[in-house]
Amino acid sequence: MRGNNGLTSYILRRALNPLASNQSSSSNVLSSVIHQNQQHYNLQKLSFYSNTSKTSSSGSKWWLPHLGQYTGKAVSVGIAGAVSFSILASSLVSSEQDLLAKEPPKPEFLPKEVVLYQYEACPFCNKVKAFLDYYDIPYKVVEVNPLSKKEIKWSEYKKVPILTVDGEHLVDSSDIINKMSAKIHPKQSVDSDSDGETEEKKWRGWVDNHLVHVLSPNIYRNSSEALESFDYITSNGNFSYTEKITVKYAGAVAMYFVSKKLKKKYNITDERAALYEAAETWVDALDGREFLGGPKPNLADLAVFGVLRPIKYLRSGKDMVEHTRIGDWYSRMEGVVGDSCRIKA
């Protein structure tokens, strides 16, 4: 599976957490192994004996004559325990990989050609990419010049993302995801009224109507952060040297002033405080679950992850992870979403 580092840490946390769902039997086995080891030989006492400097009245270390027999048992039991734990860990990894394994669309439902017109740091574009990456749908990327927009002159719709799927043009990130989900899972409905899907719909709306509006004032909070963001954009986009310089500085200035307007429009007084509050609100919504979707991410998980992904390496993203509880969930999402399915030009 792609994205192994995040997945491995997630698996180990689940393996060692007796409260995690579907783990009670595994925890019992692990407890049994530990208990059997302790019956043969008290590890805590041996550790004490090995490190203490206590001596008898004659000055000799009174526990030394017995150390050999304890050490022999320790090695024997330690090896047995290590083998038992190795088998158990292997079983747990296998079962967790099965649990978290993606369910890629059936070949007959996979589109043949997908092209995304985007800005590299656009949260709505990244929301679409998170969906495509999670479902292993290969796609090409066309980076749009944010000033001239020459790459989408053919389209009446002058915003990004635009996703062309086998010649069909899809616009608006949430609508794109709804239609793509229907294409690859034709028997499912994203508008179902079940409790889980009602919750999913609620939080997808929260992403579009609240979370994304908090991001721009943070990404372009000051001149240095605005330049940092556009340096990232131009480094990842397909621009000539002249275009890179123009887009970087003109874009940074423009977005700095746009962010100030957004801050005023949405009554944001402290950009970072608003970002931290949004991150904590999302963690609270998880209510102890690994994902909002339970054992696997749903469309709301993918939406939150997608809009936050472009700020990961920016100052705002680093501050968010440092000052909130969202880091663990984000790492789990990185593990299950895996690598990009972007087709390199």
C-alpha atoms as a PDB file:
ATOM      1  CA  MET A   1       0.000   0.000   0.000  1.00  0.00           C
ATOM      2  CA  ARG A   2       1.151   3.493  -0.771  1.00  0.00           C
ATOM      3  CA  GLY A   3       1.831   5.946   2.016  1.00  0.00           C
ATOM      4  CA  ASN A   4       3.314   3.282   4.312  1.00  0.00           C
ATOM      5  CA  ASN A   5       4.829   5.550   6.998  1.00  0.00           C
ATOM      6  CA  GLY A   6       1.546   7.107   8.068  1.00  0.00           C
ATOM      7  CA  LEU A   7      -0.232   3.749   7.855  1.00  0.00           C
ATOM      8  CA  THR A   8       2.390   1.925   9.924  1.00  0.00           C
ATOM      9  CA  SER A   9       2.212   4.425  12.778  1.00  0.00           C
ATOM     10  CA  TYR A  10      -1.572   4.249  12.639  1.00  0.00           C
ATOM     11  CA  ILE A  11      -1.521   0.420  12.780  1.00  0.00           C
ATOM     12  CA  LEU A  12       0.805   0.410  15.798  1.00  0.00           C
ATOM     13  CA  ARG A  13      -1.411   2.897  17.632  1.00  0.00           C
ATOM     14  CA  ARG A  14      -4.435   0.704  16.932  1.00  0.00           C
ATOM     15  CA  ALA A  15      -2.552  -2.427  18.004  1.00  0.00           C
ATOM     16  CA  LEU A  16      -1.593  -0.894  21.338  1.00  0.00           C
ATOM     17  CA  ASN A  17      -4.926   0.786  22.018  1.00  0.00           C
ATOM     18  CA  PRO A  18      -7.374  -1.626  23.711  1.00  0.00           C
ATOM     19  CA  LEU A  19     -10.227   0.830  23.189  1.00  0.00           C
ATOM     20  CA  ALA A  20      -9.855   0.881  19.388  1.00  0.00           C
ATOM     21  CA  SER A  21     -12.677  -0.714  17.444  1.00  0.00           C
ATOM     22  CA  ASN A  22     -12.301  -4.401  16.496  1.00  0.00           C
ATOM     23  CA  GLN A  23      -9.158  -4.717  18.595  1.00  0.00           C
ATOM     24  CA  SER A  24     -10.432  -6.353  21.790  1.00  0.00           C
ATOM     25  CA  SER A  25      -9.473  -9.891  20.759  1.00  0.00           C
ATOM     26  CA  SER A  26      -6.005  -8.798  19.620  1.00  0.00           C
ATOM     27  CA  SER A  27      -5.484  -6.906  22.871  1.00  0.00           C
ATOM     28  CA  ASN A  28      -6.444 -10.016  24.834  1.00  0.00           C
ATOM     29  CA  VAL A  29      -3.877 -12.088  22.947  1.00  0.00           C
ATOM     30  CA  LEU A  30      -1.205  -9.479  23.570  1.00  0.00           C
ATOM     31  CA  SER A  31      -2.122  -9.316  27.271  1.00  0.00           C
ATOM     32  CA  SER A  32      -1.910 -13.111  27.454  1.00  0.00           C
ATOM     33  CA  VAL A  33       1.605 -13.134  25.978  1.00  0.00           C
ATOM     34  CA  ILE A  34       2.770 -10.518  28.459  1.00  0.00           C
ATOM     35  CA  HIS A  35       1.132 -12.336  31.365  1.00  0.00           C
ATOM     36  CA  GLN A  36       2.785 -15.655  30.467  1.00  0.00           C
ATOM     37  CA  ASN A  37       6.175 -13.997  30.336  1.00  0.00           C
ATOM     38  CA  GLN A  38       5.674 -12.450  33.760  1.00  0.00           C
ATOM     39  CA  GLN A  39       4.675 -15.823  35.225  1.00  0.00           C
ATOM     40  CA  HIS A  40       8.050 -17.294  34.331  1.00  0.00           C
ATOM     41  CA  TYR A  41      10.119 -14.420  35.486  1.00  0.00           C
ATOM     42  CA  ASN A  42       9.489 -11.061  37.038  1.00  0.00           C
ATOM     43  CA  LEU A  43      10.943  -8.541  34.588  1.00  0.00           C
ATOM     44  CA  GLN A  44      10.421  -5.575  36.846  1.00  0.00           C
ATOM     45  CA  LYS A  45      12.357  -7.180  39.706  1.00  0.00           C
ATOM     46  CA  LEU A  46      15.206  -8.205  37.423  1.00  0.00           C
ATOM     47  CA  SER A  47      15.462  -4.637  36.137  1.00  0.00           C
ATOM     48  CA  PHE A  48      15.652  -3.458  39.733  1.00  0.00           C
ATOM     49  CA  TYR A  49      18.270  -6.066  40.598  1.00  0.00           C
ATOM     50  CA  SER A  50      20.378  -5.165  37.567  1.00  0.00           C
ATOM     51  CA  ASN A  51      20.498  -1.457  38.298  1.00  0.00           C
ATOM     52  CA  THR A  52      20.559  -1.165  42.086  1.00  0.00           C
ATOM     53  CA  SER A  53      23.777  -0.770  44.020  1.00  0.00           C
ATOM     54  CA  LYS A  54      22.337  -2.321  47.163  1.00  0.00           C
ATOM     55  CA  THR A  55      24.804  -4.630  48.996  1.00  0.00           C
ATOM     56  CA  SER A  56      24.632  -7.040  51.946  1.00  0.00           C
ATOM     57  CA  SER A  57      26.327  -6.375  55.323  1.00  0.00           C
ATOM     58  CA  SER A  58      29.483  -8.097  54.001  1.00  0.00           C
ATOM     59  CA  GLY A  59      29.637  -5.583  51.137  1.00  0.00           C
ATOM     60  CA  SER A  60      28.917  -8.052  48.318  1.00  0.00           C
ATOM     61  CA  LYS A  61      25.979  -7.577  45.924  1.00  0.00           C
ATOM     62  CA  TRP A  62      23.599 -10.084  47.455  1.00  0.00           C
ATOM     63  CA  TRP A  63      21.672 -10.761  44.206  1.00  0.00           C
ATOM     64  CA  LEU A  64      24.685 -11.739  42.029  1.00  0.00           C
ATOM     65  CA  PRO A  65      24.547 -15.529  42.719  1.00  0.00           C
ATOM     66  CA  HIS A  66      20.992 -15.630  41.356  1.00  0.00           C
ATOM     67  CA  LEU A  67      21.566 -13.416  38.330  1.00  0.00           C
ATOM     68  CA  GLY A  68      22.645 -16.293  36.092  1.00  0.00           C
ATOM     69  CA  GLN A  69      19.426 -18.253  36.480  1.00  0.00           C
ATOM     70  CA  TYR A  70      17.302 -15.107  36.045  1.00  0.00           C
ATOM     71  CA  THR A  71      19.281 -14.115  32.977  1.00  0.00           C
ATOM     72  CA  GLY A  72      18.844 -17.564  31.428  1.00  0.00           C
ATOM     73  CA  LYS A  73      15.113 -17.401  31.944  1.00  0.00           C
ATOM     74  CA  ALA A  74      15.041 -13.843  30.677  1.00  0.00           C
ATOM     75  CA  VAL A  75      16.698 -14.813  27.403  1.00  0.00           C
ATOM     76  CA  SER A  76      14.474 -17.856  26.939  1.00  0.00           C
ATOM     77  CA  VAL A  77      11.257 -16.056  27.764  1.00  0.00           C
ATOM     78  CA  GLY A  78      12.362 -12.917  25.915  1.00  0.00           C
ATOM     79  CA  ILE A  79      12.919 -14.892  22.707  1.00  0.00           C
ATOM     80  CA  ALA A  80       9.576 -16.677  23.083  1.00  0.00           C
ATOM     81  CA  GLY A  81       7.858 -13.392  23.790  1.00  0.00           C
ATOM     82  CA  ALA A  82       9.543 -11.707  20.852  1.00  0.00           C
ATOM     83  CA  VAL A  83       8.459 -14.506  18.508  1.00  0.00           C
ATOM     84  CA  SER A  84       4.905 -14.396  19.883  1.00  0.00           C
ATOM     85  CA  PHE A  85       4.746 -10.631  19.561  1.00  0.00           C
ATOM     86  CA  SER A  86       6.238 -10.781  16.060  1.00  0.00           C
ATOM     87  CA  ILE A  87       3.530 -13.231  14.956  1.00  0.00           C
ATOM     88  CA  LEU A  88       0.865 -11.128  16.657  1.00  0.00           C
ATOM     89  CA  ALA A  89       2.160  -7.874  15.157  1.00  0.00           C
ATOM     90  CA  SER A  90       2.270  -9.468  11.695  1.00  0.00           C
ATOM     91  CA  SER A  91      -1.333 -10.607  12.122  1.00  0.00           C
ATOM     92  CA  LEU A  92      -2.398  -7.178  13.321  1.00  0.00           C
ATOM     93  CA  VAL A  93      -0.668  -5.424  10.424  1.00  0.00           C
ATOM     94  CA  SER A  94      -2.325  -7.800   7.971  1.00  0.00           C
ATOM     95  CA  SER A  95      -5.783  -7.334   9.492  1.00  0.00           C
ATOM     96  CA  GLU A  96      -5.412  -3.542   9.691  1.00  0.00           C
ATOM     97  CA  GLN A  97      -4.225  -3.390   6.083  1.00  0.00           C
ATOM     98  CA  ASP A  98      -7.311  -5.355   5.096  1.00  0.00           C
ATOM     99  CA  LEU A  99      -9.460  -2.981   7.138  1.00  0.00           C
ATOM    100  CA  LEU A 100      -7.870   0.128   5.636  1.00  0.00           C
ATOM    101  CA  ALA A 101      -7.342  -1.256   2.146  1.00  0.00           C
ATOM    102  CA  LYS A 102      -8.787   0.990  -0.494  1.00  0.00           C
ATOM    103  CA  GLU A 103     -11.718  -0.174  -2.523  1.00  0.00           C
ATOM    104  CA  PRO A 104     -10.748   1.069  -5.999  1.00  0.00           C
ATOM    105  CA  PRO A 105     -13.530   1.445  -8.550  1.00  0.00           C
ATOM    106  CA  LYS A 106     -14.256  -1.505 -10.768  1.00  0.00           C
ATOM    107  CA  PRO A 107     -12.342  -1.215 -14.061  1.00  0.00           C
ATOM    108  CA  GLU A 108     -15.541  -0.707 -16.034  1.00  0.00           C
ATOM    109  CA  PHE A 109     -16.354   2.395 -13.971  1.00  0.00           C
ATOM    110  CA  LEU A 110     -12.927   4.017 -14.224  1.00  0.00           C
ATOM    111  CA  PRO A 111     -12.767   6.998 -16.599  1.00  0.00           C
ATOM    112  CA  LYS A 112     -10.275   6.714 -19.432  1.00  0.00           C
ATOM    113  CA  GLU A 113      -8.955  10.281 -19.429  1.00  0.00           C
ATOM    114  CA  VAL A 114      -9.107  12.798 -16.588  1.00  0.00           C
ATOM    115  CA  VAL A 115      -7.561  16.273 -16.775  1.00  0.00           C
ATOM    116  CA  LEU A 116      -7.586  18.755 -13.891  1.00  0.00           C
ATOM    117  CA  TYR A 117      -7.209  22.482 -14.561  1.00  0.00           C
ATOM    118  CA  GLN A 118      -5.984  23.948 -11.296  1.00  0.00           C
ATOM    119  CA  TYR A 119      -3.908  26.300  -9.183  1.00  0.00           C
ATOM    120  CA  GLU A 120      -1.398  24.271  -7.179  1.00  0.00           C
ATOM    121  CA  ALA A 121      -2.295  25.857  -3.828  1.00  0.00           C
ATOM    122  CA  CYS A 122      -6.046  26.201  -4.428  1.00  0.00           C
ATOM    123  CA  PRO A 123      -7.927  24.453  -1.585  1.00  0.00           C
ATOM    124  CA  PHE A 124     -10.863  23.529  -3.842  1.00  0.00           C
ATOM    125  CA  CYS A 125      -8.497  22.003  -6.418  1.00  0.00           C
ATOM    126  CA  ASN A 126      -6.733  20.035  -3.709  1.00  0.00           C
ATOM    127  CA  LYS A 127     -10.071  18.767  -2.452  1.00  0.00           C
ATOM    128  CA  VAL A 128     -10.674  17.223  -5.880  1.00  0.00           C
ATOM    129  CA  LYS A 129      -7.131  15.800  -5.964  1.00  0.00           C
ATOM    130  CA  ALA A 130      -7.604  14.155  -2.556  1.00  0.00           C
ATOM    131  CA  PHE A 131     -10.667  12.350  -3.940  1.00  0.00           C
ATOM    132  CA  LEU A 132      -8.848  11.232  -7.098  1.00  0.00           C
ATOM    133  CA  ASP A 133      -5.784  10.099  -5.139  1.00  0.00           C
ATOM    134  CA  TYR A 134      -7.802   8.137  -2.598  1.00  0.00           C
ATOM    135  CA  TYR A 135      -9.714   6.277  -5.289  1.00  0.00           C
ATOM    136  CA  ASP A 136      -6.609   5.660  -7.427  1.00  0.00           C
ATOM    137  CA  ILE A 137      -7.938   7.566 -10.437  1.00  0.00           C
ATOM    138  CA  PRO A 138      -5.043   8.688 -12.677  1.00  0.00           C
ATOM    139  CA  TYR A 139      -5.249  12.290 -13.852  1.00  0.00           C
ATOM    140  CA  LYS A 140      -3.262  14.850 -15.772  1.00  0.00           C
ATOM    141  CA  VAL A 141      -2.782  18.374 -14.431  1.00  0.00           C
ATOM    142  CA  VAL A 142      -2.815  21.664 -16.294  1.00  0.00           C
ATOM    143  CA  GLU A 143      -1.514  24.501 -14.119  1.00  0.00           C
ATOM    144  CA  VAL A 144      -3.482  27.659 -14.864  1.00  0.00           C
ATOM    145  CA  ASN A 145      -1.749  31.014 -14.846  1.00  0.00           C
ATOM    146  CA  PRO A 146      -3.727  32.925 -12.184  1.00  0.00           C
ATOM    147  CA  LEU A 147      -3.173  36.252 -13.947  1.00  0.00           C
ATOM    148  CA  SER A 148      -3.823  35.501 -17.632  1.00  0.00           C
ATOM    149  CA  LYS A 149      -5.866  32.261 -17.234  1.00  0.00           C
ATOM    150  CA  LYS A 150      -4.866  31.487 -20.806  1.00  0.00           C
ATOM    151  CA  GLU A 151      -5.101  27.728 -20.163  1.00  0.00           C
ATOM    152  CA  ILE A 152      -8.896  27.918 -19.665  1.00  0.00           C
ATOM    153  CA  LYS A 153      -9.775  30.496 -22.319  1.00  0.00           C
ATOM    154  CA  TRP A 154     -11.761  27.761 -24.066  1.00  0.00           C
ATOM    155  CA  SER A 155     -14.119  27.537 -21.040  1.00  0.00           C
ATOM    156  CA  GLU A 156     -17.044  29.825 -20.231  1.00  0.00           C
ATOM    157  CA  TYR A 157     -16.374  28.983 -16.582  1.00  0.00           C
ATOM    158  CA  LYS A 158     -13.381  31.079 -15.531  1.00  0.00           C
ATOM    159  CA  LYS A 159     -12.654  29.537 -12.133  1.00  0.00           C
ATOM    160  CA  VAL A 160     -10.771  26.441 -11.049  1.00  0.00           C
ATOM    161  CA  PRO A 161     -11.021  23.555 -10.591  1.00  0.00           C
ATOM    162  CA  ILE A 162     -12.297  22.362 -13.935  1.00  0.00           C
ATOM    163  CA  LEU A 163     -12.183  18.604 -14.420  1.00  0.00           C
ATOM    164  CA  THR A 164     -12.563  17.078 -17.865  1.00  0.00           C
ATOM    165  CA  VAL A 165     -13.626  13.444 -17.712  1.00  0.00           C
ATOM    166  CA  ASP A 166     -13.628  11.626 -21.042  1.00  0.00           C
ATOM    167  CA  GLY A 167     -14.485  14.901 -22.749  1.00  0.00           C
ATOM    168  CA  GLU A 168     -17.140  16.020 -20.241  1.00  0.00           C
ATOM    169  CA  HIS A 169     -16.398  19.277 -18.390  1.00  0.00           C
ATOM    170  CA  LEU A 170     -17.178  19.311 -14.663  1.00  0.00           C
ATOM    171  CA  VAL A 171     -16.966  22.452 -12.502  1.00  0.00           C
ATOM    172  CA  ASP A 172     -17.317  23.380  -8.805  1.00  0.00           C
ATOM    173  CA  SER A 173     -15.326  21.113  -6.485  1.00  0.00           C
ATOM    174  CA  SER A 174     -18.251  19.664  -4.511  1.00  0.00           C
ATOM    175  CA  ASP A 175     -20.277  19.031  -7.661  1.00  0.00           C
ATOM    176  CA  ILE A 176     -17.232  17.455  -9.300  1.00  0.00           C
ATOM    177  CA  ILE A 177     -16.843  15.061  -6.373  1.00  0.00           C
ATOM    178  CA  ASN A 178     -20.561  14.217  -6.316  1.00  0.00           C
ATOM    179  CA  LYS A 179     -20.555  13.383 -10.025  1.00  0.00           C
ATOM    180  CA  MET A 180     -17.283  11.453  -9.861  1.00  0.00           C
ATOM    181  CA  SER A 181     -18.528   9.484  -6.874  1.00  0.00           C
ATOM    182  CA  ALA A 182     -21.682   8.597  -8.788  1.00  0.00           C
ATOM    183  CA  LYS A 183     -19.587   7.530 -11.790  1.00  0.00           C
ATOM    184  CA  ILE A 184     -17.320   5.170  -9.879  1.00  0.00           C
ATOM    185  CA  HIS A 185     -19.966   3.956  -7.400  1.00  0.00           C
ATOM    186  CA  PRO A 186     -23.175   4.009  -9.442  1.00  0.00           C
ATOM    187  CA  LYS A 187     -25.122   2.014  -6.848  1.00  0.00           C
ATOM    188  CA  GLN A 188     -24.414   4.499  -4.057  1.00  0.00           C
ATOM    189  CA  SER A 189     -26.066   7.867  -3.502  1.00  0.00           C
ATOM    190  CA  VAL A 190     -24.249  10.813  -1.923  1.00  0.00           C
ATOM    191  CA  ASP A 191     -27.623  12.346  -0.979  1.00  0.00           C
ATOM    192  CA  SER A 192     -28.848   9.422   1.117  1.00  0.00           C
ATOM    193  CA  ASP A 193     -30.656  10.319   4.330  1.00  0.00           C
ATOM    194  CA  SER A 194     -28.871   7.758   6.535  1.00  0.00           C
ATOM    195  CA  ASP A 195     -27.369   9.188   9.736  1.00  0.00           C
ATOM    196  CA  GLY A 196     -23.789   8.661   8.558  1.00  0.00           C
ATOM    197  CA  GLU A 197     -24.320  10.318   5.195  1.00  0.00           C
ATOM    198  CA  THR A 198     -26.304  13.170   6.728  1.00  0.00           C
ATOM    199  CA  GLU A 199     -23.312  13.838   8.996  1.00  0.00           C
ATOM    200  CA  GLU A 200     -20.987  13.564   6.013  1.00  0.00           C
ATOM    201  CA  LYS A 201     -23.057  16.097   4.049  1.00  0.00           C
ATOM    202  CA  LYS A 202     -23.117  18.492   7.015  1.00  0.00           C
ATOM    203  CA  TRP A 203     -19.332  18.536   7.360  1.00  0.00           C
ATOM    204  CA  ARG A 204     -18.729  18.803   3.637  1.00  0.00           C
ATOM    205  CA  GLY A 205     -20.846  21.949   3.792  1.00  0.00           C
ATOM    206  CA  TRP A 206     -18.770  23.177   6.735  1.00  0.00           C
ATOM    207  CA  VAL A 207     -15.619  22.794   4.651  1.00  0.00           C
ATOM    208  CA  ASP A 208     -17.017  24.880   1.793  1.00  0.00           C
ATOM    209  CA  ASN A 209     -18.748  27.507   3.908  1.00  0.00           C
ATOM    210  CA  HIS A 210     -16.302  27.969   6.768  1.00  0.00           C
ATOM    211  CA  LEU A 211     -12.956  26.162   6.669  1.00  0.00           C
ATOM    212  CA  VAL A 212     -11.834  27.414   3.255  1.00  0.00           C
ATOM    213  CA  HIS A 213     -12.629  31.013   4.224  1.00  0.00           C
ATOM    214  CA  VAL A 214     -10.249  30.741   7.176  1.00  0.00           C
ATOM    215  CA  LEU A 215      -7.354  29.592   4.995  1.00  0.00           C
ATOM    216  CA  SER A 216      -6.644  32.594   2.753  1.00  0.00           C
ATOM    217  CA  PRO A 217      -6.256  35.096   5.627  1.00  0.00           C
ATOM    218  CA  ASN A 218      -3.721  32.668   7.118  1.00  0.00           C
ATOM    219  CA  ILE A 219      -1.853  31.751   3.938  1.00  0.00           C
ATOM    220  CA  TYR A 220      -1.480  35.418   2.935  1.00  0.00           C
ATOM    221  CA  ARG A 221      -1.419  36.826   6.464  1.00  0.00           C
ATOM    222  CA  ASN A 222       1.573  39.062   5.793  1.00  0.00           C
ATOM    223  CA  SER A 223       3.949  39.805   2.936  1.00  0.00           C
ATOM    224  CA  SER A 224       6.462  37.088   3.845  1.00  0.00           C
ATOM    225  CA  GLU A 225       3.802  34.372   4.091  1.00  0.00           C
ATOM    226  CA  ALA A 226       2.190  35.547   0.846  1.00  0.00           C
ATOM    227  CA  LEU A 227       5.551  35.285  -0.933  1.00  0.00           C
ATOM    228  CA  GLU A 228       6.165  31.879   0.662  1.00  0.00           C
ATOM    229  CA  SER A 229       2.873  30.641  -0.739  1.00  0.00           C
ATOM    230  CA  PHE A 230       3.482  31.945  -4.269  1.00  0.00           C
ATOM    231  CA  ASP A 231       7.018  30.596  -4.234  1.00  0.00           C
ATOM    232  CA  TYR A 232       5.420  27.170  -3.657  1.00  0.00           C
ATOM    233  CA  ILE A 233       2.856  27.784  -6.412  1.00  0.00           C
ATOM    234  CA  THR A 234       5.365  28.878  -9.047  1.00  0.00           C
ATOM    235  CA  SER A 235       7.834  26.131  -8.118  1.00  0.00           C
ATOM    236  CA  ASN A 236       5.188  23.472  -8.770  1.00  0.00           C
ATOM    237  CA  GLY A 237       3.540  25.062 -11.773  1.00  0.00           C
ATOM    238  CA  ASN A 238       4.554  24.948 -15.426  1.00  0.00           C
ATOM    239  CA  PHE A 239       5.697  28.563 -15.813  1.00  0.00           C
ATOM    240  CA  SER A 240       8.474  30.203 -17.767  1.00  0.00           C
ATOM    241  CA  TYR A 241      11.060  32.143 -15.773  1.00  0.00           C
ATOM    242  CA  THR A 242       9.392  35.470 -16.575  1.00  0.00           C
ATOM    243  CA  GLU A 243       5.963  34.127 -15.670  1.00  0.00           C
ATOM    244  CA  LYS A 244       7.298  32.769 -12.372  1.00  0.00           C
ATOM    245  CA  ILE A 245       8.630  36.174 -11.342  1.00  0.00           C
ATOM    246  CA  THR A 246       5.460  37.972 -12.453  1.00  0.00           C
ATOM    247  CA  VAL A 247       3.071  35.498 -10.837  1.00  0.00           C
ATOM    248  CA  LYS A 248       5.078  35.251  -7.629  1.00  0.00           C
ATOM    249  CA  TYR A 249       5.242  38.957  -6.840  1.00  0.00           C
ATOM    250  CA  ALA A 250       2.075  40.238  -8.507  1.00  0.00           C
ATOM    251  CA  GLY A 251       0.087  37.286  -7.169  1.00  0.00           C
ATOM    252  CA  ALA A 252       1.439  37.661  -3.653  1.00  0.00           C
ATOM    253  CA  VAL A 253       0.530  41.357  -3.551  1.00  0.00           C
ATOM    254  CA  ALA A 254      -2.934  40.744  -5.003  1.00  0.00           C
ATOM    255  CA  MET A 255      -3.745  37.883  -2.626  1.00  0.00           C
ATOM    256  CA  TYR A 256      -2.445  39.787   0.369  1.00  0.00           C
ATOM    257  CA  PHE A 257      -5.111  42.445  -0.221  1.00  0.00           C
ATOM    258  CA  VAL A 258      -7.765  39.856  -1.107  1.00  0.00           C
ATOM    259  CA  SER A 259      -7.093  38.069   2.175  1.00  0.00           C
ATOM    260  CA  LYS A 260      -7.645  41.308   4.067  1.00  0.00           C
ATOM    261  CA  LYS A 261     -11.036  41.705   2.404  1.00  0.00           C
ATOM    262  CA  LEU A 262     -11.933  38.104   3.235  1.00  0.00           C
ATOM    263  CA  LYS A 263     -10.862  38.613   6.818  1.00  0.00           C
ATOM    264  CA  LYS A 264     -13.228  41.575   7.101  1.00  0.00           C
ATOM    265  CA  LYS A 265     -16.047  39.826   5.209  1.00  0.00           C
ATOM    266  CA  TYR A 266     -16.032  36.810   7.499  1.00  0.00           C
ATOM    267  CA  ASN A 267     -15.425  38.769  10.715  1.00  0.00           C
ATOM    268  CA  ILE A 268     -12.036  37.210  11.397  1.00  0.00           C
ATOM    269  CA  THR A 269     -10.114  39.227  13.963  1.00  0.00           C
ATOM    270  CA  ASP A 270      -7.221  36.817  14.596  1.00  0.00           C
ATOM    271  CA  GLU A 271      -6.283  34.629  11.619  1.00  0.00           C
ATOM    272  CA  ARG A 272      -4.356  31.990  13.534  1.00  0.00           C
ATOM    273  CA  ALA A 273      -6.949  31.756  16.314  1.00  0.00           C
ATOM    274  CA  ALA A 274      -9.637  31.156  13.679  1.00  0.00           C
ATOM    275  CA  LEU A 275      -7.529  28.445  12.034  1.00  0.00           C
ATOM    276  CA  TYR A 276      -6.823  26.716  15.348  1.00  0.00           C
ATOM    277  CA  GLU A 277     -10.500  26.876  16.301  1.00  0.00           C
ATOM    278  CA  ALA A 278     -11.502  25.281  12.980  1.00  0.00           C
ATOM    279  CA  ALA A 279      -8.952  22.480  13.447  1.00  0.00           C
ATOM    280  CA  GLU A 280     -10.196  21.777  16.981  1.00  0.00           C
ATOM    281  CA  THR A 281     -13.813  21.842  15.781  1.00  0.00           C
ATOM    282  CA  TRP A 282     -12.987  19.113  13.278  1.00  0.00           C
ATOM    283  CA  VAL A 283     -11.203  16.957  15.859  1.00  0.00           C
ATOM    284  CA  ASP A 284     -14.213  17.308  18.174  1.00  0.00           C
ATOM    285  CA  ALA A 285     -16.472  16.173  15.328  1.00  0.00           C
ATOM    286  CA  LEU A 286     -14.460  12.944  15.044  1.00  0.00           C
ATOM    287  CA  ASP A 287     -15.605  12.132  18.593  1.00  0.00           C
ATOM    288  CA  GLY A 288     -12.799   9.622  19.152  1.00  0.00           C
ATOM    289  CA  ARG A 289     -13.170   7.931  15.754  1.00  0.00           C
ATOM    290  CA  GLU A 290     -10.187   7.386  13.499  1.00  0.00           C
ATOM    291  CA  PHE A 291     -12.089   9.144  10.695  1.00  0.00           C
ATOM    292  CA  LEU A 292     -15.457  10.824  10.424  1.00  0.00           C
ATOM    293  CA  GLY A 293     -16.406   7.873   8.250  1.00  0.00           C
ATOM    294  CA  GLY A 294     -15.425   5.443  11.050  1.00  0.00           C
ATOM    295  CA  PRO A 295     -12.756   2.882  10.097  1.00  0.00           C
ATOM    296  CA  LYS A 296     -12.342   4.473   6.654  1.00  0.00           C
ATOM    297  CA  PRO A 297     -12.474   8.076   5.430  1.00  0.00           C
ATOM    298  CA  ASN A 298     -15.675   9.401   3.915  1.00  0.00           C
ATOM    299  CA  LEU A 299     -16.086  12.351   1.548  1.00  0.00           C
ATOM    300  CA  ALA A 300     -15.978  14.822   4.449  1.00  0.00           C
ATOM    301  CA  ASP A 301     -12.621  13.431   5.615  1.00  0.00           C
ATOM    302  CA  LEU A 302     -11.293  13.766   2.074  1.00  0.00           C
ATOM    303  CA  ALA A 303     -12.627  17.328   1.801  1.00  0.00           C
ATOM    304  CA  VAL A 304     -10.971  18.516   5.027  1.00  0.00           C
ATOM    305  CA  PHE A 305      -7.724  16.731   4.191  1.00  0.00           C
ATOM    306  CA  GLY A 306      -7.747  18.114   0.660  1.00  0.00           C
ATOM    307  CA  VAL A 307      -8.180  21.771   1.581  1.00  0.00           C
ATOM    308  CA  LEU A 308      -5.538  21.519   4.315  1.00  0.00           C
ATOM    309  CA  ARG A 309      -2.971  19.662   2.221  1.00  0.00           C
ATOM    310  CA  PRO A 310      -1.570  22.705   0.354  1.00  0.00           C
ATOM    311  CA  ILE A 311      -0.672  24.455   3.632  1.00  0.00           C
ATOM    312  CA  LYS A 312       1.257  21.497   5.042  1.00  0.00           C
ATOM    313  CA  TYR A 313       4.668  22.991   4.251  1.00  0.00           C
ATOM    314  CA  LEU A 314       3.678  26.610   4.818  1.00  0.00           C
ATOM    315  CA  ARG A 315       4.092  28.512   8.068  1.00  0.00           C
ATOM    316  CA  SER A 316       0.338  28.453   8.677  1.00  0.00           C
ATOM    317  CA  GLY A 317       0.144  24.663   8.332  1.00  0.00           C
ATOM    318  CA  LYS A 318       3.099  24.061  10.618  1.00  0.00           C
ATOM    319  CA  ASP A 319       1.588  26.363  13.239  1.00  0.00           C
ATOM    320  CA  MET A 320      -1.751  24.569  12.999  1.00  0.00           C
ATOM    321  CA  VAL A 321      -0.233  21.135  13.621  1.00  0.00           C
ATOM    322  CA  GLU A 322       1.906  22.485  16.470  1.00  0.00           C
ATOM    323  CA  HIS A 323      -0.942  24.212  18.308  1.00  0.00           C
ATOM    324  CA  THR A 324      -3.898  21.865  17.761  1.00  0.00           C
ATOM    325  CA  ARG A 325      -4.785  18.168  17.995  1.00  0.00           C
ATOM    326  CA  ILE A 326      -5.316  17.684  14.271  1.00  0.00           C
ATOM    327  CA  GLY A 327      -1.881  16.188  13.542  1.00  0.00           C
ATOM    328  CA  ASP A 328      -2.749  12.553  14.338  1.00  0.00           C
ATOM    329  CA  TRP A 329      -5.829  12.548  12.105  1.00  0.00           C
ATOM    330  CA  TYR A 330      -3.869  14.268   9.334  1.00  0.00           C
ATOM    331  CA  SER A 331      -1.127  11.616   9.524  1.00  0.00           C
ATOM    332  CA  ARG A 332      -3.718   8.837   9.296  1.00  0.00           C
ATOM    333  CA  MET A 333      -5.216  10.515   6.238  1.00  0.00           C
ATOM    334  CA  GLU A 334      -1.809  10.779   4.589  1.00  0.00           C
ATOM    335  CA  GLY A 335      -1.356   7.053   5.155  1.00  0.00           C
ATOM    336  CA  VAL A 336      -4.652   5.953   3.632  1.00  0.00           C
ATOM    337  CA  VAL A 337      -4.787   8.479   0.777  1.00  0.00           C
ATOM    338  CA  GLY A 338      -1.250   7.550  -0.258  1.00  0.00           C
ATOM    339  CA  ASP A 339       0.766   8.969  -3.116  1.00  0.00           C
ATOM    340  CA  SER A 340      -0.546  11.204  -5.847  1.00  0.00           C
ATOM    341  CA  CYS A 341      -2.151   9.557  -8.886  1.00  0.00           C
ATOM    342  CA  ARG A 342      -1.074  12.489 -11.014  1.00  0.00           C
ATOM    343  CA  ILE A 343       0.330  11.418 -14.367  1.00  0.00           C
ATOM    344  CA  LYS A 344       3.655  13.090 -14.932  1.00  0.00           C
ATOM    345  CA  ALA A 345       3.828  15.001 -18.197  1.00  0.00           C
END
